[in-house]
């Protein structure tokens, strides 16, 4: 057996990596759009927790 890859594998790998890079760029762009929209509306970004109406009660 040899360690040489099939010539078509390079093209498939390149196409796959390009698709991954495009998806990452789209996700980054969507996140930046959310940040801009929140800044324009002067809203806090969602951090996974419910928004508080005021300070937390004293313990």
Protein backbone atom coordinates (compact mmCIF):
# COMPACT_ATOMS: atom_id res chain seq x y z
CA UNK A 1 0.00 0.00 0.00
CA UNK A 2 1.06 3.56 -0.58
CA UNK A 3 0.39 6.75 1.34
CA UNK A 4 -0.45 8.70 -1.79
CA UNK A 5 -3.92 10.21 -1.82
CA UNK A 6 -6.23 10.08 -4.78
CA UNK A 7 -5.92 13.32 -6.82
CA UNK A 8 -9.67 13.98 -6.47
CA UNK A 9 -9.37 14.08 -2.69
CA UNK A 10 -7.47 17.38 -2.77
CA UNK A 11 -10.28 19.07 -4.69
CA UNK A 12 -12.95 17.63 -2.39
CA UNK A 13 -10.98 18.74 0.67
CA UNK A 14 -10.49 22.23 -0.80
CA UNK A 15 -14.22 22.55 -1.59
CA UNK A 16 -15.14 21.35 1.88
CA UNK A 17 -12.79 23.83 3.54
CA UNK A 18 -14.20 26.67 1.42
CA UNK A 19 -17.73 25.74 2.51
CA UNK A 20 -16.62 25.72 6.15
CA UNK A 21 -14.92 29.11 5.76
CA UNK A 22 -18.03 30.59 4.13
CA UNK A 23 -20.25 29.26 6.93
CA UNK A 24 -17.95 30.73 9.57
CA UNK A 25 -17.94 34.10 7.80
CA UNK A 26 -21.75 34.07 7.56
CA UNK A 27 -22.08 33.25 11.27
CA UNK A 28 -19.67 36.04 12.20
CA UNK A 29 -21.53 38.48 9.97
CA UNK A 30 -24.86 37.51 11.53
CA UNK A 31 -23.46 38.01 15.04
CA UNK A 32 -22.10 41.43 14.11
CA UNK A 33 -25.49 42.39 12.63
CA UNK A 34 -27.14 41.44 15.94
CA UNK A 35 -24.67 43.60 17.84
CA UNK A 36 -25.26 46.56 15.51
CA UNK A 37 -29.05 46.22 15.79
CA UNK A 38 -28.86 46.08 19.59
CA UNK A 39 -26.57 49.12 19.67
CA UNK A 40 -28.90 51.07 17.38
CA UNK A 41 -31.82 50.31 19.68
CA UNK A 42 -29.72 50.78 22.83
CA UNK A 43 -30.60 47.26 23.98
CA UNK A 44 -28.38 44.88 25.92
CA UNK A 45 -27.23 41.80 24.03
CA UNK A 46 -28.77 38.51 25.08
CA UNK A 47 -26.36 36.60 27.24
CA UNK A 48 -28.49 33.54 27.88
CA UNK A 49 -30.08 34.92 31.03
CA UNK A 50 -33.30 36.83 31.54
CA UNK A 51 -33.11 40.60 31.57
CA UNK A 52 -33.35 42.14 35.01
CA UNK A 53 -35.77 44.98 35.72
CA UNK A 54 -33.59 46.38 38.44
CA UNK A 55 -30.83 45.53 40.86
CA UNK A 56 -30.76 42.10 42.41
CA UNK A 57 -32.39 41.81 45.86
CA UNK A 58 -30.07 41.82 48.85
CA UNK A 59 -29.26 38.38 50.18
